[in-house]
Amino acid sequence: MLNLSEANQIYANSFEDTMTLLTVEDAADILMVGKNRIYELLNQGKIKGMRIGKSTWRIPKISIYQYIQTQSAL
């Protein structure tokens, strides 16, 4: 079983290219949640993203990593 430090390193390595922008679907796959949950997190400001047009979102990978970190600390 991984300890927290090892798990954090795995997450950090998987997000080396933190400038990559993800779709809502990509973010949902990474967090293993539905798209609606991602929209909720975006609208609540818990995940930072940028809106392109009226309904299209792009989410920097670093935002997903930061969200995971905040949830791990709870």
N, C-alpha and C. Protein backbone atom coordinates (compact mmCIF):
# COMPACT_ATOMS: atom_id res chain seq x y z
N MET A 1 0.83 -1.17 0.00
CA MET A 1 0.00 0.00 0.00
C MET A 1 0.89 1.25 0.00
N LEU A 2 0.46 2.26 -0.77
CA LEU A 2 1.23 3.50 -0.87
C LEU A 2 1.00 4.39 0.34
N ASN A 3 2.07 5.04 0.78
CA ASN A 3 1.87 6.06 1.80
C ASN A 3 1.52 7.37 1.10
N LEU A 4 1.13 8.37 1.86
CA LEU A 4 0.69 9.63 1.28
C LEU A 4 1.77 10.29 0.44
N SER A 5 3.01 10.24 0.88
CA SER A 5 4.12 10.84 0.14
C SER A 5 4.29 10.18 -1.23
N GLU A 6 4.23 8.86 -1.27
CA GLU A 6 4.36 8.14 -2.54
C GLU A 6 3.18 8.46 -3.46
N ALA A 7 1.99 8.52 -2.90
CA ALA A 7 0.81 8.84 -3.70
C ALA A 7 0.92 10.25 -4.28
N ASN A 8 1.39 11.20 -3.47
CA ASN A 8 1.57 12.57 -3.96
C ASN A 8 2.58 12.62 -5.10
N GLN A 9 3.65 11.84 -4.99
CA GLN A 9 4.66 11.81 -6.05
C GLN A 9 4.08 11.26 -7.34
N ILE A 10 3.27 10.23 -7.24
CA ILE A 10 2.64 9.66 -8.43
C ILE A 10 1.74 10.69 -9.09
N TYR A 11 0.93 11.39 -8.28
CA TYR A 11 0.07 12.44 -8.83
C TYR A 11 0.91 13.54 -9.47
N ALA A 12 1.94 13.97 -8.81
CA ALA A 12 2.79 15.04 -9.35
C ALA A 12 3.41 14.62 -10.67
N ASN A 13 3.90 13.39 -10.76
CA ASN A 13 4.50 12.91 -12.00
C ASN A 13 3.47 12.83 -13.11
N SER A 14 2.24 12.48 -12.79
CA SER A 14 1.23 12.34 -13.83
C SER A 14 0.77 13.70 -14.35
N PHE A 15 1.14 14.77 -13.66
CA PHE A 15 0.75 16.12 -14.08
C PHE A 15 1.95 16.96 -14.47
N GLU A 16 3.00 16.32 -15.01
CA GLU A 16 4.20 17.06 -15.39
C GLU A 16 3.88 18.19 -16.36
N ASP A 17 3.01 17.93 -17.29
CA ASP A 17 2.64 18.95 -18.27
C ASP A 17 1.42 19.70 -17.75
N THR A 18 1.62 20.54 -16.74
CA THR A 18 0.50 21.19 -16.07
C THR A 18 -0.16 22.29 -16.89
N MET A 19 0.46 22.70 -17.98
CA MET A 19 -0.14 23.73 -18.81
C MET A 19 -1.16 23.15 -19.79
N THR A 20 -1.25 21.85 -19.86
CA THR A 20 -2.22 21.21 -20.74
C THR A 20 -3.63 21.56 -20.28
N LEU A 21 -4.50 21.87 -21.24
CA LEU A 21 -5.88 22.16 -20.91
C LEU A 21 -6.72 20.91 -21.13
N LEU A 22 -7.59 20.63 -20.18
CA LEU A 22 -8.46 19.46 -20.24
C LEU A 22 -9.88 19.88 -20.57
N THR A 23 -10.63 18.96 -21.16
CA THR A 23 -12.06 19.16 -21.32
C THR A 23 -12.74 18.74 -20.02
N VAL A 24 -14.00 19.05 -19.90
CA VAL A 24 -14.78 18.62 -18.74
C VAL A 24 -14.78 17.09 -18.67
N GLU A 25 -14.89 16.45 -19.82
CA GLU A 25 -14.89 14.98 -19.86
C GLU A 25 -13.56 14.42 -19.36
N ASP A 26 -12.45 15.03 -19.78
CA ASP A 26 -11.13 14.58 -19.32
C ASP A 26 -11.00 14.72 -17.80
N ALA A 27 -11.43 15.87 -17.28
CA ALA A 27 -11.35 16.11 -15.83
C ALA A 27 -12.22 15.11 -15.07
N ALA A 28 -13.39 14.82 -15.61
CA ALA A 28 -14.29 13.85 -14.97
C ALA A 28 -13.65 12.47 -14.93
N ASP A 29 -12.98 12.09 -16.01
CA ASP A 29 -12.30 10.79 -16.05
C ASP A 29 -11.19 10.73 -15.00
N ILE A 30 -10.40 11.79 -14.89
CA ILE A 30 -9.29 11.81 -13.94
C ILE A 30 -9.80 11.70 -12.51
N LEU A 31 -10.85 12.45 -12.19
CA LEU A 31 -11.37 12.45 -10.82
C LEU A 31 -12.38 11.33 -10.57
N MET A 32 -12.72 10.60 -11.61
CA MET A 32 -13.68 9.50 -11.52
C MET A 32 -15.03 9.97 -10.98
N VAL A 33 -15.50 11.07 -11.56
CA VAL A 33 -16.81 11.62 -11.24
C VAL A 33 -17.53 11.91 -12.55
N GLY A 34 -18.78 12.29 -12.46
CA GLY A 34 -19.54 12.64 -13.65
C GLY A 34 -19.26 14.06 -14.11
N LYS A 35 -19.65 14.36 -15.34
CA LYS A 35 -19.45 15.70 -15.88
C LYS A 35 -20.19 16.75 -15.07
N ASN A 36 -21.38 16.40 -14.59
CA ASN A 36 -22.15 17.38 -13.80
C ASN A 36 -21.40 17.80 -12.54
N ARG A 37 -20.70 16.86 -11.93
CA ARG A 37 -19.91 17.20 -10.73
C ARG A 37 -18.79 18.17 -11.07
N ILE A 38 -18.16 17.99 -12.23
CA ILE A 38 -17.10 18.91 -12.67
C ILE A 38 -17.69 20.30 -12.88
N TYR A 39 -18.86 20.38 -13.52
CA TYR A 39 -19.50 21.69 -13.70
C TYR A 39 -19.80 22.34 -12.35
N GLU A 40 -20.26 21.55 -11.37
CA GLU A 40 -20.52 22.08 -10.03
C GLU A 40 -19.24 22.65 -9.43
N LEU A 41 -18.15 21.88 -9.52
CA LEU A 41 -16.88 22.32 -8.95
C LEU A 41 -16.38 23.59 -9.63
N LEU A 42 -16.56 23.68 -10.94
CA LEU A 42 -16.16 24.89 -11.67
C LEU A 42 -16.99 26.09 -11.22
N ASN A 43 -18.30 25.90 -11.14
CA ASN A 43 -19.19 27.01 -10.76
C ASN A 43 -18.99 27.42 -9.30
N GLN A 44 -18.56 26.50 -8.45
CA GLN A 44 -18.28 26.81 -7.05
C GLN A 44 -16.88 27.41 -6.86
N GLY A 45 -16.07 27.38 -7.91
CA GLY A 45 -14.71 27.90 -7.82
C GLY A 45 -13.73 26.94 -7.16
N LYS A 46 -14.13 25.70 -6.95
CA LYS A 46 -13.24 24.72 -6.32
C LYS A 46 -12.22 24.18 -7.32
N ILE A 47 -12.57 24.24 -8.60
CA ILE A 47 -11.63 23.93 -9.68
C ILE A 47 -11.61 25.17 -10.57
N LYS A 48 -10.43 25.63 -10.90
CA LYS A 48 -10.30 26.80 -11.76
C LYS A 48 -10.30 26.36 -13.22
N GLY A 49 -11.02 27.08 -14.01
CA GLY A 49 -11.08 26.79 -15.44
C GLY A 49 -11.41 28.06 -16.18
N MET A 50 -11.43 27.96 -17.49
CA MET A 50 -11.79 29.11 -18.30
C MET A 50 -12.91 28.73 -19.24
N ARG A 51 -13.83 29.63 -19.37
CA ARG A 51 -14.97 29.40 -20.23
C ARG A 51 -14.64 29.93 -21.62
N ILE A 52 -14.91 29.12 -22.60
CA ILE A 52 -14.72 29.51 -24.00
C ILE A 52 -16.11 29.53 -24.62
N GLY A 53 -16.59 30.71 -24.93
CA GLY A 53 -17.96 30.82 -25.40
C GLY A 53 -18.92 30.71 -24.22
N LYS A 54 -20.15 30.28 -24.51
CA LYS A 54 -21.16 30.22 -23.45
C LYS A 54 -21.09 28.95 -22.62
N SER A 55 -20.70 27.84 -23.22
CA SER A 55 -20.83 26.58 -22.48
C SER A 55 -19.61 25.67 -22.52
N THR A 56 -18.55 26.08 -23.18
CA THR A 56 -17.37 25.23 -23.28
C THR A 56 -16.34 25.65 -22.24
N TRP A 57 -15.88 24.68 -21.47
CA TRP A 57 -14.87 24.92 -20.44
C TRP A 57 -13.57 24.24 -20.81
N ARG A 58 -12.46 24.85 -20.40
CA ARG A 58 -11.15 24.22 -20.46
C ARG A 58 -10.53 24.37 -19.07
N ILE A 59 -9.93 23.29 -18.61
CA ILE A 59 -9.43 23.22 -17.25
C ILE A 59 -7.94 22.89 -17.28
N PRO A 60 -7.08 23.76 -16.74
CA PRO A 60 -5.65 23.43 -16.67
C PRO A 60 -5.44 22.20 -15.78
N LYS A 61 -4.54 21.33 -16.18
CA LYS A 61 -4.25 20.14 -15.38
C LYS A 61 -3.85 20.51 -13.96
N ILE A 62 -3.14 21.60 -13.80
CA ILE A 62 -2.70 22.01 -12.47
C ILE A 62 -3.89 22.26 -11.56
N SER A 63 -5.01 22.71 -12.10
CA SER A 63 -6.20 22.93 -11.29
C SER A 63 -6.73 21.63 -10.72
N ILE A 64 -6.65 20.56 -11.51
CA ILE A 64 -7.09 19.25 -11.03
C ILE A 64 -6.14 18.77 -9.94
N TYR A 65 -4.84 18.94 -10.15
CA TYR A 65 -3.86 18.53 -9.15
C TYR A 65 -4.08 19.30 -7.84
N GLN A 66 -4.31 20.60 -7.94
CA GLN A 66 -4.54 21.41 -6.74
C GLN A 66 -5.81 20.97 -6.01
N TYR A 67 -6.84 20.63 -6.76
CA TYR A 67 -8.08 20.16 -6.14
C TYR A 67 -7.83 18.85 -5.40
N ILE A 68 -7.09 17.95 -6.01
CA ILE A 68 -6.77 16.67 -5.35
C ILE A 68 -6.01 16.93 -4.06
N GLN A 69 -5.08 17.87 -4.10
CA GLN A 69 -4.30 18.19 -2.90
C GLN A 69 -5.20 18.72 -1.78
N THR A 70 -6.14 19.59 -2.12
CA THR A 70 -7.02 20.13 -1.08
C THR A 70 -7.92 19.05 -0.51
N GLN A 71 -8.34 18.12 -1.34
CA GLN A 71 -9.21 17.04 -0.85
C GLN A 71 -8.43 16.04 0.00
N SER A 72 -7.16 15.87 -0.31
CA SER A 72 -6.32 14.96 0.47
C SER A 72 -6.07 15.49 1.87
N ALA A 73 -6.09 16.81 2.00
CA ALA A 73 -5.80 17.44 3.29
C ALA A 73 -6.98 17.40 4.25
N LEU A 74 -8.16 17.04 3.74
CA LEU A 74 -9.35 17.05 4.62
C LEU A 74 -9.35 15.91 5.59
